[in-house]
């Protein structure tokens, strides 16, 4: 697969709709073409300590951020230009895609937005199939390192999306 969008969300709490940041990477012909990152005012708008401990984003960081529909529109403009992501027809790729796909569907539902039938591919499953037991685990930082990407800022949505893109370029 040479054309896709790698995506990663971070959440503020246990609700999948509480996305507080998004990172996305557009890959064309196996090369990173464009990137996008934004903080998002989560919905519901509260933070749990265990989420903050993972990604370091706080209520103060997102109190002036745009809500999801505005951020998604900006992401589409940045990555798809005058077109929409749906019309581009590119699949999404995520590491443990069930989480990111669930976040995307949930936040679309919360804001009563029409959800296109985005196709997701999972680099976690692909890693397990490709590398098998040759790796100590299939966590994003482990797999990305084997694929030549140093994930120095793990749990920053853009860094995680870039790591996922490198994995997908290598093994999907």
N, C-alpha and C. Protein backbone atom coordinates (compact mmCIF):
# COMPACT_ATOMS: atom_id res chain seq x y z
N UNK A 1 0.84 -1.17 0.00
CA UNK A 1 0.00 0.00 0.00
C UNK A 1 0.89 1.24 0.00
N UNK A 2 0.67 2.11 -0.97
CA UNK A 2 1.54 3.28 -1.11
C UNK A 2 0.83 4.59 -0.85
N UNK A 3 -0.51 4.60 -0.85
CA UNK A 3 -1.29 5.82 -0.65
C UNK A 3 -2.28 5.60 0.49
N UNK A 4 -2.15 6.40 1.55
CA UNK A 4 -3.02 6.25 2.70
C UNK A 4 -2.85 7.46 3.62
N UNK A 5 -3.67 7.50 4.66
CA UNK A 5 -3.56 8.52 5.70
C UNK A 5 -3.37 7.79 7.03
N UNK A 6 -2.23 8.00 7.66
CA UNK A 6 -2.00 7.48 9.01
C UNK A 6 -2.59 8.48 9.99
N UNK A 7 -3.30 7.98 11.00
CA UNK A 7 -3.99 8.88 11.93
C UNK A 7 -3.83 8.37 13.35
N UNK A 8 -3.80 9.32 14.29
CA UNK A 8 -3.72 8.97 15.70
C UNK A 8 -4.48 10.00 16.51
N UNK A 9 -5.25 9.52 17.48
CA UNK A 9 -5.97 10.38 18.41
C UNK A 9 -5.47 10.16 19.82
N UNK A 10 -5.50 11.20 20.62
CA UNK A 10 -5.33 11.10 22.06
C UNK A 10 -6.65 11.55 22.68
N UNK A 11 -7.03 10.93 23.79
CA UNK A 11 -8.30 11.24 24.43
C UNK A 11 -8.08 11.83 25.82
N UNK A 12 -9.06 12.63 26.24
CA UNK A 12 -8.98 13.32 27.53
C UNK A 12 -9.47 12.45 28.69
N UNK A 13 -10.34 11.50 28.37
CA UNK A 13 -10.92 10.66 29.41
C UNK A 13 -11.31 9.32 28.81
N UNK A 14 -12.12 8.57 29.54
CA UNK A 14 -12.48 7.22 29.09
C UNK A 14 -13.46 7.19 27.92
N UNK A 15 -14.06 8.32 27.58
CA UNK A 15 -15.02 8.37 26.48
C UNK A 15 -14.28 8.46 25.14
N UNK A 16 -14.58 7.59 24.20
CA UNK A 16 -13.87 7.64 22.92
C UNK A 16 -14.10 8.94 22.15
N UNK A 17 -15.17 9.65 22.46
CA UNK A 17 -15.43 10.93 21.77
C UNK A 17 -14.60 12.08 22.33
N UNK A 18 -13.87 11.83 23.42
CA UNK A 18 -13.14 12.92 24.08
C UNK A 18 -11.78 13.19 23.45
N UNK A 19 -11.71 13.15 22.13
CA UNK A 19 -10.43 13.39 21.47
C UNK A 19 -9.93 14.79 21.82
N UNK A 20 -8.67 14.86 22.24
CA UNK A 20 -8.08 16.15 22.63
C UNK A 20 -6.92 16.52 21.72
N UNK A 21 -6.50 15.60 20.86
CA UNK A 21 -5.51 15.93 19.83
C UNK A 21 -5.60 14.90 18.71
N UNK A 22 -5.19 15.36 17.53
CA UNK A 22 -5.16 14.48 16.37
C UNK A 22 -3.88 14.75 15.58
N UNK A 23 -3.29 13.68 15.10
CA UNK A 23 -2.17 13.77 14.18
C UNK A 23 -2.51 12.95 12.95
N UNK A 24 -2.21 13.48 11.78
CA UNK A 24 -2.50 12.76 10.54
C UNK A 24 -1.35 12.97 9.56
N UNK A 25 -1.06 11.93 8.79
CA UNK A 25 0.03 11.94 7.83
C UNK A 25 -0.50 11.41 6.51
N UNK A 26 -0.42 12.22 5.47
CA UNK A 26 -0.81 11.80 4.13
C UNK A 26 0.41 11.20 3.45
N UNK A 27 0.28 9.96 2.99
CA UNK A 27 1.36 9.27 2.29
C UNK A 27 0.92 9.05 0.85
N UNK A 28 1.77 9.51 -0.07
CA UNK A 28 1.53 9.34 -1.52
C UNK A 28 2.74 8.64 -2.11
N UNK A 29 2.50 7.60 -2.88
CA UNK A 29 3.57 6.83 -3.52
C UNK A 29 4.64 6.40 -2.53
N UNK A 30 4.21 6.03 -1.31
CA UNK A 30 5.13 5.53 -0.31
C UNK A 30 6.00 6.59 0.36
N UNK A 31 5.65 7.87 0.17
CA UNK A 31 6.43 8.97 0.75
C UNK A 31 5.49 9.89 1.51
N UNK A 32 5.92 10.34 2.68
CA UNK A 32 5.12 11.29 3.44
C UNK A 32 5.02 12.58 2.65
N UNK A 33 3.79 12.99 2.36
CA UNK A 33 3.52 14.17 1.55
C UNK A 33 3.10 15.37 2.40
N UNK A 34 2.19 15.15 3.35
CA UNK A 34 1.70 16.24 4.20
C UNK A 34 1.44 15.71 5.59
N UNK A 35 1.52 16.62 6.57
CA UNK A 35 1.19 16.25 7.95
C UNK A 35 0.24 17.29 8.53
N UNK A 36 -0.48 16.87 9.56
CA UNK A 36 -1.41 17.76 10.25
C UNK A 36 -1.44 17.40 11.72
N UNK A 37 -1.46 18.44 12.57
CA UNK A 37 -1.60 18.23 14.01
C UNK A 37 -2.45 19.35 14.58
N UNK A 38 -3.30 18.99 15.54
CA UNK A 38 -4.07 20.00 16.24
C UNK A 38 -4.52 19.49 17.60
N UNK A 39 -4.56 20.40 18.54
CA UNK A 39 -5.27 20.14 19.78
C UNK A 39 -6.76 20.31 19.50
N UNK A 40 -7.59 19.68 20.31
CA UNK A 40 -9.04 19.72 20.14
C UNK A 40 -9.67 19.90 21.52
N UNK A 41 -10.68 20.75 21.60
CA UNK A 41 -11.45 20.83 22.85
C UNK A 41 -12.29 19.56 22.94
N UNK A 42 -12.05 18.73 23.95
CA UNK A 42 -12.72 17.42 23.99
C UNK A 42 -14.21 17.52 24.34
N UNK A 43 -14.92 16.48 23.98
CA UNK A 43 -16.33 16.34 24.33
C UNK A 43 -16.58 14.91 24.76
N UNK A 44 -16.88 14.66 26.04
CA UNK A 44 -17.06 15.63 27.11
C UNK A 44 -15.73 16.27 27.53
N UNK A 45 -15.85 17.49 28.03
CA UNK A 45 -14.68 18.32 28.29
C UNK A 45 -14.21 18.20 29.74
N UNK A 46 -13.60 17.07 30.04
CA UNK A 46 -12.91 16.89 31.33
C UNK A 46 -11.77 15.92 31.10
N UNK A 47 -10.78 15.98 31.98
CA UNK A 47 -9.59 15.14 31.85
C UNK A 47 -9.48 14.17 33.02
N UNK A 48 -9.11 12.96 32.72
CA UNK A 48 -8.79 11.95 33.72
C UNK A 48 -7.28 11.90 33.88
N UNK A 49 -6.84 11.70 35.10
CA UNK A 49 -5.40 11.71 35.39
C UNK A 49 -4.65 10.67 34.59
N UNK A 50 -5.25 9.49 34.38
CA UNK A 50 -4.53 8.43 33.67
C UNK A 50 -4.30 8.79 32.20
N UNK A 51 -5.20 9.55 31.60
CA UNK A 51 -4.99 9.99 30.22
C UNK A 51 -3.92 11.08 30.18
N UNK A 52 -4.00 12.02 31.12
CA UNK A 52 -3.00 13.09 31.18
C UNK A 52 -1.60 12.50 31.41
N UNK A 53 -1.53 11.45 32.22
CA UNK A 53 -0.24 10.83 32.48
C UNK A 53 0.36 10.22 31.22
N UNK A 54 -0.49 9.74 30.32
CA UNK A 54 -0.01 9.13 29.07
C UNK A 54 0.49 10.18 28.11
N UNK A 55 -0.33 11.21 27.82
CA UNK A 55 0.01 12.15 26.75
C UNK A 55 0.42 13.54 27.22
N UNK A 56 0.17 13.88 28.47
CA UNK A 56 0.61 15.17 29.00
C UNK A 56 -0.26 16.36 28.62
N UNK A 57 -1.36 16.13 27.92
CA UNK A 57 -2.25 17.24 27.54
C UNK A 57 -3.19 17.53 28.69
N UNK A 58 -3.38 18.81 28.98
CA UNK A 58 -4.22 19.22 30.10
C UNK A 58 -5.38 20.08 29.63
N UNK A 59 -6.30 20.33 30.54
CA UNK A 59 -7.44 21.20 30.26
C UNK A 59 -6.97 22.59 29.84
N UNK A 60 -5.91 23.06 30.45
CA UNK A 60 -5.36 24.37 30.09
C UNK A 60 -4.87 24.40 28.65
N UNK A 61 -4.35 23.28 28.17
CA UNK A 61 -3.86 23.20 26.79
C UNK A 61 -4.98 23.31 25.77
N UNK A 62 -6.15 22.80 26.11
CA UNK A 62 -7.24 22.73 25.13
C UNK A 62 -8.39 23.70 25.39
N UNK A 63 -8.30 24.52 26.43
CA UNK A 63 -9.43 25.39 26.76
C UNK A 63 -9.75 26.38 25.64
N UNK A 64 -8.77 26.77 24.85
CA UNK A 64 -9.00 27.69 23.73
C UNK A 64 -8.95 26.98 22.38
N UNK A 65 -8.86 25.66 22.39
CA UNK A 65 -8.79 24.90 21.13
C UNK A 65 -10.17 24.84 20.48
N UNK A 66 -10.17 24.59 19.19
CA UNK A 66 -11.42 24.44 18.46
C UNK A 66 -12.05 23.08 18.77
N UNK A 67 -13.36 22.99 18.58
CA UNK A 67 -14.05 21.72 18.75
C UNK A 67 -13.80 20.86 17.50
N UNK A 68 -14.15 19.59 17.61
CA UNK A 68 -13.81 18.62 16.58
C UNK A 68 -14.27 19.00 15.17
N UNK A 69 -15.53 19.43 14.95
CA UNK A 69 -15.93 19.72 13.57
C UNK A 69 -15.04 20.75 12.88
N UNK A 70 -14.61 21.77 13.61
CA UNK A 70 -13.71 22.78 13.03
C UNK A 70 -12.34 22.19 12.73
N UNK A 71 -11.84 21.39 13.64
CA UNK A 71 -10.52 20.77 13.44
C UNK A 71 -10.58 19.79 12.28
N UNK A 72 -11.64 18.99 12.18
CA UNK A 72 -11.76 18.03 11.09
C UNK A 72 -11.83 18.74 9.74
N UNK A 73 -12.56 19.85 9.70
CA UNK A 73 -12.63 20.63 8.44
C UNK A 73 -11.25 21.15 8.06
N UNK A 74 -10.48 21.60 9.04
CA UNK A 74 -9.12 22.08 8.78
C UNK A 74 -8.22 20.93 8.32
N UNK A 75 -8.34 19.78 8.97
CA UNK A 75 -7.56 18.60 8.57
C UNK A 75 -7.87 18.24 7.12
N UNK A 76 -9.14 18.25 6.75
CA UNK A 76 -9.51 17.94 5.36
C UNK A 76 -8.91 18.94 4.39
N UNK A 77 -8.97 20.24 4.73
CA UNK A 77 -8.39 21.27 3.85
C UNK A 77 -6.89 21.06 3.69
N UNK A 78 -6.21 20.76 4.78
CA UNK A 78 -4.76 20.59 4.74
C UNK A 78 -4.34 19.36 3.94
N UNK A 79 -5.06 18.26 4.14
CA UNK A 79 -4.65 17.02 3.50
C UNK A 79 -5.28 16.80 2.13
N UNK A 80 -6.52 17.23 1.95
CA UNK A 80 -7.24 16.94 0.70
C UNK A 80 -7.42 18.17 -0.18
N UNK A 81 -7.06 19.35 0.29
CA UNK A 81 -7.23 20.56 -0.50
C UNK A 81 -8.70 20.88 -0.70
N UNK A 82 -9.08 21.08 -1.93
CA UNK A 82 -10.48 21.43 -2.25
C UNK A 82 -11.40 20.22 -2.19
N UNK A 83 -10.84 19.04 -2.14
CA UNK A 83 -11.62 17.82 -2.12
C UNK A 83 -11.95 17.46 -0.67
N UNK A 84 -12.60 16.34 -0.47
CA UNK A 84 -12.82 15.82 0.88
C UNK A 84 -12.03 14.54 1.04
N UNK A 85 -11.80 14.14 2.28
CA UNK A 85 -11.09 12.88 2.51
C UNK A 85 -11.87 11.70 1.94
N UNK A 86 -13.19 11.79 2.04
CA UNK A 86 -14.02 10.72 1.50
C UNK A 86 -13.82 10.58 -0.01
N UNK A 87 -13.76 11.71 -0.72
CA UNK A 87 -13.59 11.67 -2.17
C UNK A 87 -12.19 11.24 -2.58
N UNK A 88 -11.19 11.48 -1.70
CA UNK A 88 -9.84 11.00 -2.01
C UNK A 88 -9.82 9.47 -2.07
N UNK A 89 -10.67 8.85 -1.27
CA UNK A 89 -10.78 7.39 -1.30
C UNK A 89 -9.60 6.67 -0.70
N UNK A 90 -8.81 7.36 0.10
CA UNK A 90 -7.64 6.73 0.70
C UNK A 90 -8.03 6.05 2.01
N UNK A 91 -7.46 4.89 2.27
CA UNK A 91 -7.72 4.25 3.56
C UNK A 91 -6.97 4.97 4.68
N UNK A 92 -7.48 4.79 5.89
CA UNK A 92 -6.77 5.24 7.09
C UNK A 92 -5.96 4.07 7.62
N UNK A 93 -4.85 4.40 8.24
CA UNK A 93 -3.99 3.41 8.88
C UNK A 93 -3.74 3.89 10.30
N UNK A 94 -3.84 2.98 11.25
CA UNK A 94 -3.57 3.32 12.65
C UNK A 94 -2.99 2.10 13.35
N UNK A 95 -2.24 2.35 14.41
CA UNK A 95 -1.69 1.26 15.22
C UNK A 95 -2.71 0.97 16.30
N UNK A 96 -3.28 -0.22 16.27
CA UNK A 96 -4.47 -0.56 17.06
C UNK A 96 -5.64 0.27 16.55
N UNK A 97 -5.96 0.07 15.30
CA UNK A 97 -6.95 0.89 14.60
C UNK A 97 -8.33 0.85 15.23
N UNK A 98 -8.65 -0.19 15.98
CA UNK A 98 -9.96 -0.25 16.64
C UNK A 98 -10.14 0.97 17.54
N UNK A 99 -9.09 1.37 18.25
CA UNK A 99 -9.18 2.54 19.13
C UNK A 99 -9.44 3.80 18.33
N UNK A 100 -8.62 4.06 17.32
CA UNK A 100 -8.74 5.31 16.56
C UNK A 100 -10.02 5.36 15.73
N UNK A 101 -10.41 4.23 15.16
CA UNK A 101 -11.66 4.19 14.41
C UNK A 101 -12.85 4.43 15.33
N UNK A 102 -12.81 3.85 16.52
CA UNK A 102 -13.87 4.05 17.50
C UNK A 102 -13.95 5.52 17.93
N UNK A 103 -12.79 6.15 18.14
CA UNK A 103 -12.77 7.57 18.47
C UNK A 103 -13.40 8.39 17.36
N UNK A 104 -13.02 8.13 16.13
CA UNK A 104 -13.53 8.90 15.01
C UNK A 104 -15.04 8.72 14.85
N UNK A 105 -15.50 7.50 14.92
CA UNK A 105 -16.95 7.26 14.81
C UNK A 105 -17.70 7.91 15.97
N UNK A 106 -17.15 7.83 17.16
CA UNK A 106 -17.82 8.39 18.34
C UNK A 106 -17.92 9.91 18.27
N UNK A 107 -16.86 10.55 17.87
CA UNK A 107 -16.89 12.01 17.83
C UNK A 107 -17.77 12.51 16.67
N UNK A 108 -17.80 11.77 15.57
CA UNK A 108 -18.74 12.11 14.50
C UNK A 108 -20.18 12.02 15.04
N UNK A 109 -20.45 10.96 15.80
CA UNK A 109 -21.79 10.76 16.36
C UNK A 109 -22.16 11.88 17.33
N UNK A 110 -21.24 12.24 18.21
CA UNK A 110 -21.50 13.29 19.21
C UNK A 110 -21.88 14.61 18.53
N UNK A 111 -21.18 14.92 17.46
CA UNK A 111 -21.45 16.19 16.76
C UNK A 111 -22.46 16.03 15.63
N UNK A 112 -23.12 14.88 15.55
CA UNK A 112 -24.16 14.60 14.57
C UNK A 112 -23.68 14.89 13.14
N UNK A 113 -22.46 14.44 12.87
CA UNK A 113 -21.86 14.56 11.55
C UNK A 113 -22.07 13.23 10.81
N UNK A 114 -22.28 13.29 9.51
CA UNK A 114 -22.41 12.08 8.71
C UNK A 114 -21.05 11.40 8.61
N UNK A 115 -20.99 10.14 9.02
CA UNK A 115 -19.74 9.41 9.01
C UNK A 115 -19.60 8.66 7.68
N UNK A 116 -18.59 9.03 6.89
CA UNK A 116 -18.34 8.25 5.66
C UNK A 116 -17.83 6.86 6.04
N UNK A 117 -17.94 5.95 5.16
CA UNK A 117 -17.46 4.60 5.43
C UNK A 117 -15.96 4.53 5.20
N UNK A 118 -15.21 5.18 6.11
CA UNK A 118 -13.75 5.14 6.01
C UNK A 118 -13.26 3.71 6.23
N UNK A 119 -12.28 3.32 5.46
CA UNK A 119 -11.64 2.01 5.61
C UNK A 119 -10.41 2.19 6.48
N UNK A 120 -10.26 1.33 7.47
CA UNK A 120 -9.10 1.37 8.36
C UNK A 120 -8.28 0.09 8.21
N UNK A 121 -6.94 0.26 8.23
CA UNK A 121 -6.01 -0.86 8.29
C UNK A 121 -5.22 -0.73 9.58
N UNK A 122 -4.86 -1.86 10.14
CA UNK A 122 -4.24 -1.88 11.47
C UNK A 122 -2.79 -2.34 11.40
N UNK A 123 -1.86 -1.43 11.73
CA UNK A 123 -0.45 -1.80 11.72
C UNK A 123 -0.08 -2.70 12.90
N UNK A 124 -0.87 -2.70 13.96
CA UNK A 124 -0.62 -3.63 15.06
C UNK A 124 -0.85 -5.07 14.59
N UNK A 125 -1.98 -5.32 13.95
CA UNK A 125 -2.25 -6.66 13.40
C UNK A 125 -1.22 -7.02 12.33
N UNK A 126 -0.91 -6.05 11.48
CA UNK A 126 0.08 -6.30 10.42
C UNK A 126 1.44 -6.65 11.01
N UNK A 127 1.81 -5.97 12.09
CA UNK A 127 3.09 -6.25 12.74
C UNK A 127 3.11 -7.66 13.31
N UNK A 128 2.04 -8.06 13.96
CA UNK A 128 1.98 -9.41 14.53
C UNK A 128 2.10 -10.46 13.42
N UNK A 129 1.47 -10.19 12.30
CA UNK A 129 1.53 -11.13 11.18
C UNK A 129 2.93 -11.12 10.53
N UNK A 130 3.47 -9.92 10.32
CA UNK A 130 4.75 -9.78 9.60
C UNK A 130 5.94 -10.23 10.44
N UNK A 131 5.99 -9.77 11.69
CA UNK A 131 7.16 -10.03 12.53
C UNK A 131 6.99 -11.25 13.45
N UNK A 132 5.75 -11.62 13.70
CA UNK A 132 5.51 -12.78 14.57
C UNK A 132 6.17 -12.62 15.92
N UNK A 133 6.85 -13.66 16.33
CA UNK A 133 7.51 -13.66 17.66
C UNK A 133 8.94 -13.17 17.63
N UNK A 134 9.35 -12.57 16.53
CA UNK A 134 10.72 -12.07 16.46
C UNK A 134 10.91 -10.78 17.25
N UNK A 135 9.80 -10.13 17.63
CA UNK A 135 9.88 -8.90 18.44
C UNK A 135 9.45 -9.21 19.87
N UNK A 136 9.99 -8.47 20.84
CA UNK A 136 9.59 -8.70 22.23
C UNK A 136 8.13 -8.30 22.48
N UNK A 137 7.62 -7.34 21.69
CA UNK A 137 6.22 -6.93 21.76
C UNK A 137 5.91 -6.20 20.45
N UNK A 138 4.69 -5.81 20.28
CA UNK A 138 4.28 -5.13 19.05
C UNK A 138 3.76 -3.73 19.34
N UNK A 139 4.29 -3.14 20.41
CA UNK A 139 3.93 -1.76 20.73
C UNK A 139 4.48 -0.83 19.66
N UNK A 140 3.83 0.34 19.53
CA UNK A 140 4.17 1.27 18.46
C UNK A 140 5.64 1.63 18.45
N UNK A 141 6.22 1.94 19.61
CA UNK A 141 7.62 2.36 19.63
C UNK A 141 8.56 1.21 19.26
N UNK A 142 8.20 0.00 19.61
CA UNK A 142 9.03 -1.17 19.27
C UNK A 142 9.00 -1.43 17.77
N UNK A 143 7.80 -1.46 17.20
CA UNK A 143 7.66 -1.78 15.78
C UNK A 143 8.23 -0.66 14.91
N UNK A 144 7.99 0.59 15.30
CA UNK A 144 8.50 1.70 14.50
C UNK A 144 10.03 1.71 14.49
N UNK A 145 10.64 1.35 15.61
CA UNK A 145 12.11 1.30 15.66
C UNK A 145 12.64 0.25 14.68
N UNK A 146 11.99 -0.91 14.62
CA UNK A 146 12.41 -1.96 13.70
C UNK A 146 12.22 -1.50 12.25
N UNK A 147 11.24 -0.61 12.05
CA UNK A 147 10.95 -0.10 10.69
C UNK A 147 11.73 1.17 10.37
N UNK A 148 12.68 1.55 11.24
CA UNK A 148 13.56 2.66 10.94
C UNK A 148 13.10 4.03 11.41
N UNK A 149 12.11 4.09 12.29
CA UNK A 149 11.63 5.38 12.79
C UNK A 149 11.85 5.45 14.29
N UNK A 150 12.54 6.49 14.73
CA UNK A 150 12.81 6.69 16.16
C UNK A 150 11.66 7.50 16.75
N UNK A 151 10.79 6.85 17.48
CA UNK A 151 9.63 7.49 18.08
C UNK A 151 10.04 8.12 19.41
N UNK A 152 10.64 9.31 19.32
CA UNK A 152 11.16 9.99 20.50
C UNK A 152 10.07 10.67 21.32
N UNK A 153 8.93 10.96 20.71
CA UNK A 153 7.87 11.70 21.40
C UNK A 153 6.58 10.88 21.42
N UNK A 154 6.68 9.66 21.95
CA UNK A 154 5.54 8.74 21.98
C UNK A 154 4.35 9.37 22.70
N UNK A 155 3.17 9.16 22.18
CA UNK A 155 1.88 9.68 22.65
C UNK A 155 1.66 11.15 22.30
N UNK A 156 2.49 11.70 21.43
CA UNK A 156 2.15 12.94 20.74
C UNK A 156 1.48 12.46 19.46
N UNK A 157 0.27 12.92 19.19
CA UNK A 157 -0.53 12.35 18.10
C UNK A 157 0.18 12.40 16.75
N UNK A 158 0.89 13.48 16.45
CA UNK A 158 1.58 13.53 15.16
C UNK A 158 2.77 12.57 15.12
N UNK A 159 3.53 12.51 16.18
CA UNK A 159 4.67 11.59 16.22
C UNK A 159 4.18 10.14 16.08
N UNK A 160 3.09 9.82 16.75
CA UNK A 160 2.54 8.46 16.65
C UNK A 160 2.02 8.18 15.24
N UNK A 161 1.38 9.17 14.61
CA UNK A 161 0.90 8.99 13.23
C UNK A 161 2.08 8.82 12.27
N UNK A 162 3.15 9.58 12.48
CA UNK A 162 4.34 9.42 11.64
C UNK A 162 4.96 8.04 11.82
N UNK A 163 5.02 7.57 13.05
CA UNK A 163 5.55 6.23 13.31
C UNK A 163 4.70 5.18 12.61
N UNK A 164 3.40 5.34 12.72
CA UNK A 164 2.48 4.41 12.06
C UNK A 164 2.67 4.45 10.54
N UNK A 165 2.85 5.63 9.99
CA UNK A 165 3.08 5.76 8.54
C UNK A 165 4.34 5.00 8.13
N UNK A 166 5.41 5.12 8.90
CA UNK A 166 6.64 4.41 8.57
C UNK A 166 6.44 2.89 8.64
N UNK A 167 5.69 2.43 9.62
CA UNK A 167 5.41 1.00 9.72
C UNK A 167 4.62 0.55 8.50
N UNK A 168 3.57 1.30 8.17
CA UNK A 168 2.72 0.92 7.03
C UNK A 168 3.49 0.92 5.71
N UNK A 169 4.35 1.90 5.52
CA UNK A 169 5.16 1.95 4.30
C UNK A 169 6.03 0.69 4.19
N UNK A 170 6.52 0.26 5.32
CA UNK A 170 7.43 -0.88 5.33
C UNK A 170 6.74 -2.23 5.21
N UNK A 171 5.58 -2.41 5.91
CA UNK A 171 5.05 -3.78 5.97
C UNK A 171 3.65 -3.98 5.38
N UNK A 172 2.96 -2.91 5.01
CA UNK A 172 1.62 -3.12 4.44
C UNK A 172 1.71 -3.19 2.91
